Amino acid sequence: MKHLFPKLIFIFSFFVLAGCKKNETIETVKTETAKNSIEYASGLSIVKYEDYSVVTVSNPWPNSNKDFKYILKEKEAKVPDSLQTYTTIQVPLESVVVTSTTNIPFLEMLEVENKLIGFPHTDYISSEKTRALIDKGSVKNVGQNEKLNIEQLIELSPNLIVTFGVDNNNPMLDNLKKSGLNVLIQGDWMEQSPLGKAEWIKLYGALFGKEEKAKELFDKIVQSYDQAKKLAAEKTISSTVLYGSMYEDVWYVAKGNSWVAEFMKDAHANYLWADLKGTGSEGLSFEKVLDKAKTANVWIASGSFKSLDELQKANPHYNEFDAFKNKTVYSFEGKLGATGGTVYYELAPSRPDLVLKDYIKIFHPDLLPSYEFTFASKLN
């Protein structure tokens, strides 16, 4: 018997080690087979495991020096010890506060707008559906994004506050966390790909347990966008495009890698600053813009102008452009909600296919004869 005991120990140890090895292999396979479900957005990653997801938000503002990681955990789910240090959010959410109007369409598309309980400066919201909730008192005004009413937020006690930052100095975010509120940083506004912006709907799908619905909606947007892009590609480029307008003494033109320039490229137009490298915009003098774009046959004006008279009152020299003389000036910012919010700013990031169709309607009107503008309007 005493000779048999070491053998039993050996056999027992072997099975224990084998069992550990087996579990280790399963865990490794599980980790290796879990894939990021994001295809277009550069600042978002969502990796879903059996009962939790790992969300990573990178580059949420210019020159951001860190990534933000969140664990979306279903009830009773077991999260590995290695992930316990990250912010854990129990999903699906029952209540949420968001701070950008670009989030509102995502909630409505997923039919969870009734989970919204707070928003800063509710007058900015244009959607009739969510405005009805505001008017009913279901959505509270919680201040402004840089100065959220923390006492009110504590009283509301949302499951999550989705907000954003503009730089590395965000005392408001620190104060929210110190108050015990769950906060998630969103960086959709930093995306330069039109489809990359729209793909952030998948974050809301993960937050509300509607991943399949979010994917289905996004896939339809991609299909609609690609079909419109292919349609425009069949036409000869005939439009030269001026973009922007004066702000005080500076004319801001969209750079060549911006999402605005991407739309004009996909709509098959010759945007005059397409070769200006970078994202965002570049400030130029009126003289430089006039020198380059005097003969442009289309002008996409920035600002909520509704007529050529309004435009000329802003700057009498605008009539020096051929596009002004020929009355081929358009604005995407003229349509406002009931309380003054700009429809384009709210809805455009989530529906790039409709933005692209507006551009195609401007540059190649014969391609979409029955389509009516969603955002754009011609200044008369």
Foldseek 3Di string as FASTA:
>chain_A
DVVVVVVVVVVVVVVVVVVVVVVVVVVVVQVVPFAFPDDAAPQWTWTDGDFKIKIKGPCLAPPDDDIAIEIAGEPPDDDDPVCVVHHYAYDQWQAEEEEFLQCQVLCVLLVNLLRYQEYAPVLQHFDPVNVVCVVVNRYYHQHHQLDGNLVVCVVVQGSEYEYEDHDPDRVVVVVNVVSVHHYDYDRLVPGQALLNSQLCSCVNCSNHVNNVSSVVVSVVLVVLQVVQLVLQVVDAADFEEAEEDDDPFWTKDFALSGNVNVLCVSLRYHYQRNVRDDGDIDTDGPVVSCVRQQAGQAYEYEDQDAALVVVCVVPVCVCSHPNSVVQRYKYLQNDAHPSGHTPCSNHCSNRVSLVSVQSNCSRPVVSCVPDDRPRMDGHD
